[in-house]
Protein backbone atom coordinates (compact mmCIF):
# COMPACT_ATOMS: atom_id res chain seq x y z
CA MET A 1 -40.24 -138.36 -29.00
CA MET A 2 -41.26 -134.75 -29.38
CA ASN A 3 -44.91 -135.50 -28.54
CA ASP A 4 -44.31 -137.63 -25.55
CA LYS A 5 -44.87 -136.41 -22.14
CA ARG A 6 -42.20 -135.09 -19.72
CA ILE A 7 -42.23 -138.26 -17.48
CA ARG A 8 -42.03 -141.55 -19.39
CA VAL A 9 -42.54 -144.68 -17.38
CA ILE A 10 -41.28 -147.82 -19.22
CA THR A 11 -42.84 -151.11 -18.11
CA GLY A 12 -43.32 -154.60 -19.63
CA HIS A 13 -42.93 -158.22 -18.74
CA TYR A 14 -39.55 -159.50 -17.58
CA GLY A 15 -37.11 -159.84 -20.47
CA SER A 16 -39.13 -157.71 -22.85
CA GLY A 17 -36.31 -155.38 -23.56
CA LYS A 18 -37.61 -152.46 -21.71
CA THR A 19 -34.29 -151.48 -20.18
CA GLU A 20 -32.54 -151.45 -23.53
CA PHE A 21 -35.35 -149.12 -24.81
CA ALA A 22 -35.25 -146.88 -21.80
CA VAL A 23 -31.47 -146.40 -21.97
CA ASN A 24 -31.49 -145.72 -25.85
CA TYR A 25 -34.51 -143.38 -25.15
CA ALA A 26 -32.51 -141.44 -22.57
CA MET A 27 -29.36 -141.25 -24.69
CA LYS A 28 -31.35 -139.88 -27.55
CA LEU A 29 -33.08 -137.34 -25.53
CA ALA A 30 -29.65 -136.35 -24.03
CA SER A 31 -28.26 -135.64 -27.51
CA ASN A 32 -30.20 -132.50 -27.42
CA LYS A 33 -27.87 -130.65 -25.19
CA ASP A 34 -30.70 -128.17 -24.19
CA LYS A 35 -32.53 -130.88 -22.29
CA LYS A 36 -31.95 -131.95 -18.75
CA VAL A 37 -32.56 -135.72 -18.70
CA ALA A 38 -32.78 -138.18 -15.76
CA ILE A 39 -33.39 -141.96 -15.72
CA ALA A 40 -34.52 -143.91 -12.64
CA ASP A 41 -33.59 -147.66 -12.39
CA MET A 42 -36.54 -148.93 -10.42
CA ASP A 43 -36.14 -152.64 -11.48
CA VAL A 44 -36.16 -154.39 -8.19
CA VAL A 45 -37.11 -157.89 -9.79
CA ASN A 46 -34.38 -158.48 -12.29
CA LEU A 47 -30.86 -158.46 -10.97
CA TYR A 48 -29.39 -158.50 -14.53
CA PHE A 49 -29.57 -155.99 -17.36
CA ARG A 50 -30.30 -152.97 -15.12
CA SER A 51 -29.97 -149.49 -16.37
CA ARG A 52 -27.73 -148.63 -13.30
CA GLU A 53 -25.18 -151.10 -14.72
CA LYS A 54 -24.52 -148.36 -17.44
CA LYS A 55 -24.32 -145.45 -14.92
CA GLU A 56 -20.96 -144.20 -16.21
CA LEU A 57 -22.06 -144.18 -19.79
CA LEU A 58 -25.19 -142.46 -19.03
CA GLN A 59 -23.55 -139.77 -16.85
CA ASN A 60 -20.98 -139.16 -19.39
CA ALA A 61 -23.83 -138.37 -21.74
CA GLY A 62 -25.04 -135.67 -19.14
CA ILE A 63 -27.83 -137.92 -17.91
CA ARG A 64 -28.70 -137.96 -14.16
CA VAL A 65 -28.87 -141.53 -12.88
CA VAL A 66 -31.24 -142.41 -10.04
CA GLY A 67 -30.50 -145.99 -8.74
CA SER A 68 -33.40 -148.21 -7.26
CA SER A 69 -31.33 -149.00 -4.22
CA ILE A 70 -30.15 -146.51 -1.50
CA GLU A 71 -26.52 -145.74 -2.50
CA GLY A 72 -23.95 -147.91 -0.66
CA ASN A 73 -26.73 -150.15 0.85
CA ALA A 74 -28.93 -153.05 -0.17
CA VAL A 75 -27.46 -153.08 -3.73
CA ASP A 76 -29.53 -156.15 -4.71
CA LEU A 77 -32.50 -155.74 -2.39
CA PRO A 78 -35.82 -154.13 -3.33
CA ALA A 79 -34.96 -150.77 -1.74
CA VAL A 80 -36.01 -147.52 -3.38
CA SER A 81 -34.35 -144.35 -2.77
CA ALA A 82 -36.51 -141.19 -2.22
CA GLU A 83 -34.34 -139.50 -4.87
CA VAL A 84 -36.71 -141.07 -7.39
CA MET A 85 -39.20 -138.19 -6.42
CA SER A 86 -36.85 -135.43 -7.37
CA PRO A 87 -37.15 -135.38 -11.11
CA ILE A 88 -40.89 -135.88 -10.86
CA GLU A 89 -41.24 -132.72 -8.92
CA ASP A 90 -38.53 -130.76 -10.75
CA LYS A 91 -40.18 -129.88 -13.99
CA SER A 92 -37.01 -128.93 -15.68
CA TYR A 93 -36.18 -132.55 -16.21
CA ASP A 94 -37.30 -135.01 -18.92
CA TYR A 95 -37.59 -138.16 -16.93
CA ILE A 96 -37.55 -141.81 -17.97
CA VAL A 97 -38.49 -144.31 -15.23
CA ASP A 98 -37.40 -147.93 -15.89
CA VAL A 99 -39.89 -150.07 -13.87
CA GLY A 100 -39.48 -153.67 -12.86
CA GLY A 101 -40.68 -156.22 -15.37
CA ASP A 102 -44.13 -157.30 -14.20
CA ALA A 103 -46.94 -156.37 -11.74
CA ILE A 104 -44.72 -157.32 -8.78
CA GLY A 105 -41.94 -155.00 -9.97
CA THR A 106 -44.42 -152.23 -10.65
CA ARG A 107 -45.31 -151.95 -7.05
CA ALA A 108 -41.88 -150.29 -6.48
CA PHE A 109 -43.06 -147.30 -8.66
CA ALA A 110 -46.59 -147.34 -7.22
CA ARG A 111 -45.77 -145.64 -4.01
CA PHE A 112 -44.61 -142.60 -6.08
CA ALA A 113 -47.27 -142.66 -8.68
CA TYR A 114 -49.57 -140.22 -6.65
CA LEU A 115 -46.95 -137.55 -7.37
CA VAL A 116 -47.20 -137.77 -11.14
CA ASP A 117 -49.40 -135.09 -12.74
CA GLN A 118 -51.97 -136.77 -14.98
CA ASN A 119 -51.12 -134.38 -17.76
CA GLU A 120 -47.35 -135.06 -17.51
CA TYR A 121 -46.84 -138.74 -17.94
CA ASP A 122 -46.75 -141.47 -20.57
CA LEU A 123 -46.82 -145.00 -19.51
CA PHE A 124 -45.34 -147.20 -22.16
CA PHE A 125 -45.84 -150.98 -22.20
CA VAL A 126 -43.16 -152.92 -24.05
CA VAL A 127 -44.61 -155.86 -26.07
CA ASN A 128 -42.28 -158.74 -26.91
CA ALA A 129 -44.07 -161.53 -28.67
CA ASN A 130 -41.20 -163.90 -28.04
CA ARG A 131 -41.50 -163.79 -24.27
CA GLU A 132 -43.44 -166.73 -22.81
CA GLN A 133 -46.29 -164.76 -21.03
CA THR A 134 -46.73 -162.34 -23.83
CA THR A 135 -46.81 -164.39 -26.95
CA ASP A 136 -50.68 -163.58 -27.48
CA LEU A 137 -53.21 -160.90 -26.97
CA GLU A 138 -54.62 -162.54 -23.76
CA GLY A 139 -51.16 -162.49 -22.16
CA VAL A 140 -50.39 -158.80 -22.97
CA LEU A 141 -53.90 -157.69 -21.78
CA LYS A 142 -53.44 -159.59 -18.46
CA HIS A 143 -50.01 -157.76 -17.72
CA ILE A 144 -51.35 -154.25 -18.81
CA ASP A 145 -54.40 -154.82 -16.46
CA GLN A 146 -52.24 -155.87 -13.60
CA ILE A 147 -49.86 -152.84 -14.08
CA GLU A 148 -52.70 -150.31 -14.40
CA THR A 149 -54.50 -151.77 -11.32
CA ILE A 150 -51.36 -151.38 -9.20
CA THR A 151 -50.18 -148.06 -10.40
CA GLN A 152 -53.55 -146.42 -10.91
CA LEU A 153 -52.00 -144.91 -13.95
CA LYS A 154 -53.20 -145.79 -17.53
CA VAL A 155 -51.02 -147.23 -20.33
CA THR A 156 -50.75 -144.54 -22.96
CA GLY A 157 -48.58 -146.16 -25.60
CA LEU A 158 -47.14 -149.47 -26.75
CA ILE A 159 -43.58 -150.25 -27.66
CA SER A 160 -43.26 -153.18 -30.08
CA ASN A 161 -40.02 -154.88 -29.24
CA THR A 162 -40.10 -158.35 -30.43
CA HIS A 163 -36.55 -159.62 -30.85
CA LEU A 164 -33.86 -162.28 -30.69
CA VAL A 165 -31.16 -159.88 -29.77
CA ARG A 166 -28.60 -159.97 -32.67
CA GLU A 167 -30.37 -162.78 -34.41
CA THR A 168 -33.54 -160.68 -34.95
CA THR A 169 -35.06 -160.70 -38.45
CA GLU A 170 -37.79 -158.58 -40.22
CA ASP A 171 -40.14 -161.42 -39.66
CA ASP A 172 -39.64 -160.94 -35.75
CA ILE A 173 -40.45 -157.33 -35.97
CA ILE A 174 -43.45 -157.94 -38.19
CA LYS A 175 -44.67 -160.58 -35.81
CA GLY A 176 -44.37 -158.31 -32.84
CA TYR A 177 -45.96 -155.50 -34.75
CA ASN A 178 -48.94 -157.63 -35.50
CA LEU A 179 -49.45 -158.51 -31.88
CA SER A 180 -49.04 -154.93 -30.84
CA LYS A 181 -51.63 -153.94 -33.24
CA GLU A 182 -54.18 -156.47 -31.86
CA VAL A 183 -53.50 -154.96 -28.42
CA SER A 184 -53.77 -151.28 -29.81
CA GLU A 185 -57.25 -152.04 -31.51
CA LYS A 186 -58.55 -153.86 -28.48
CA LEU A 187 -57.58 -151.25 -25.83
CA ASN A 188 -57.53 -148.06 -28.14
CA ILE A 189 -53.78 -147.50 -27.11
CA PRO A 190 -51.63 -146.28 -29.88
CA ILE A 191 -48.36 -148.05 -30.98
CA LYS A 192 -45.71 -145.38 -30.29
CA TYR A 193 -42.57 -147.06 -31.48
CA VAL A 194 -41.37 -150.21 -33.27
CA PHE A 195 -37.93 -150.63 -31.52
CA CYS A 196 -35.32 -152.34 -33.83
CA MET A 197 -31.79 -152.07 -35.06
CA GLU A 198 -31.21 -149.35 -37.76
CA GLU A 199 -30.10 -151.79 -40.42
CA LEU A 200 -33.43 -153.59 -40.40
CA VAL A 201 -35.54 -150.56 -41.09
CA SER A 202 -35.30 -150.45 -44.92
CA SER A 203 -36.67 -153.92 -45.32
CA LEU A 204 -39.86 -153.35 -43.24
CA PRO A 205 -43.32 -152.53 -44.61
CA GLU A 206 -43.93 -148.89 -44.83
CA GLU A 207 -46.81 -149.07 -42.05
CA ILE A 208 -44.15 -150.32 -39.64
CA LYS A 209 -41.26 -148.28 -40.97
CA ALA A 210 -43.12 -145.01 -40.17
CA LEU A 211 -43.21 -146.09 -36.39
CA THR A 212 -39.71 -147.16 -36.02
CA PHE A 213 -37.35 -146.22 -33.21
CA PRO A 214 -34.08 -147.22 -34.91
CA ILE A 215 -30.93 -147.79 -32.88
CA LYS A 216 -27.32 -148.41 -33.62
CA THR A 217 -26.15 -149.87 -30.21
CA LEU A 218 -27.50 -152.43 -27.79
CA TYR A 219 -26.12 -150.92 -24.64
CA MET A 220 -27.33 -153.64 -22.34
CA ARG A 221 -25.69 -156.42 -24.33
CA GLU A 222 -21.83 -156.75 -24.54
CA ASP A 223 -20.52 -157.88 -27.84
CA TRP A 224 -20.03 -161.48 -26.66
CA MET A 225 -23.72 -161.73 -25.60
């Protein structure tokens, strides 16, 4: 995380787990009390599992939450508040932008992309090999191409996040890593993190273990889910 750029844009196909990653990433950043952290929920595609659902949790951790809809209006409509711009321009913030799950959702962020300094951003694409449209190299490449075309920003890193929620096994993680590695070699984009539960790390191959972003909590999944 120390080598990541100030603005981290998190994208990926619908259901990839990008919001879970974005929230955990923000919480980990905020654990450093010297940092000012903001997270923008710009998911105007998925009406469920949005980071703004955890607004109270995030604010209690000292994180500024920017919702995708204008406060008090159009809660479930694709409206985007201009407040999204503020942490882009205010360089005192570490900023996580949770962007909608595909090329359509990415359009919401594209209108602000021109404000992003090319030296200040990372665009992370979350790869989940268990999602229908990203089960193989061709599918992942298609989504990355669409997102780059719309935003005019380049994907700078891959997040391997193949999971079955609480039923995830080491085999799922290895399967996702292998697909991410194919994408990495094809596009010359590094795998930044392998996202997984902490208890699974010890049983992973060393090559994968070195890249893990281990978590203890699934913030976007209640215990009954």
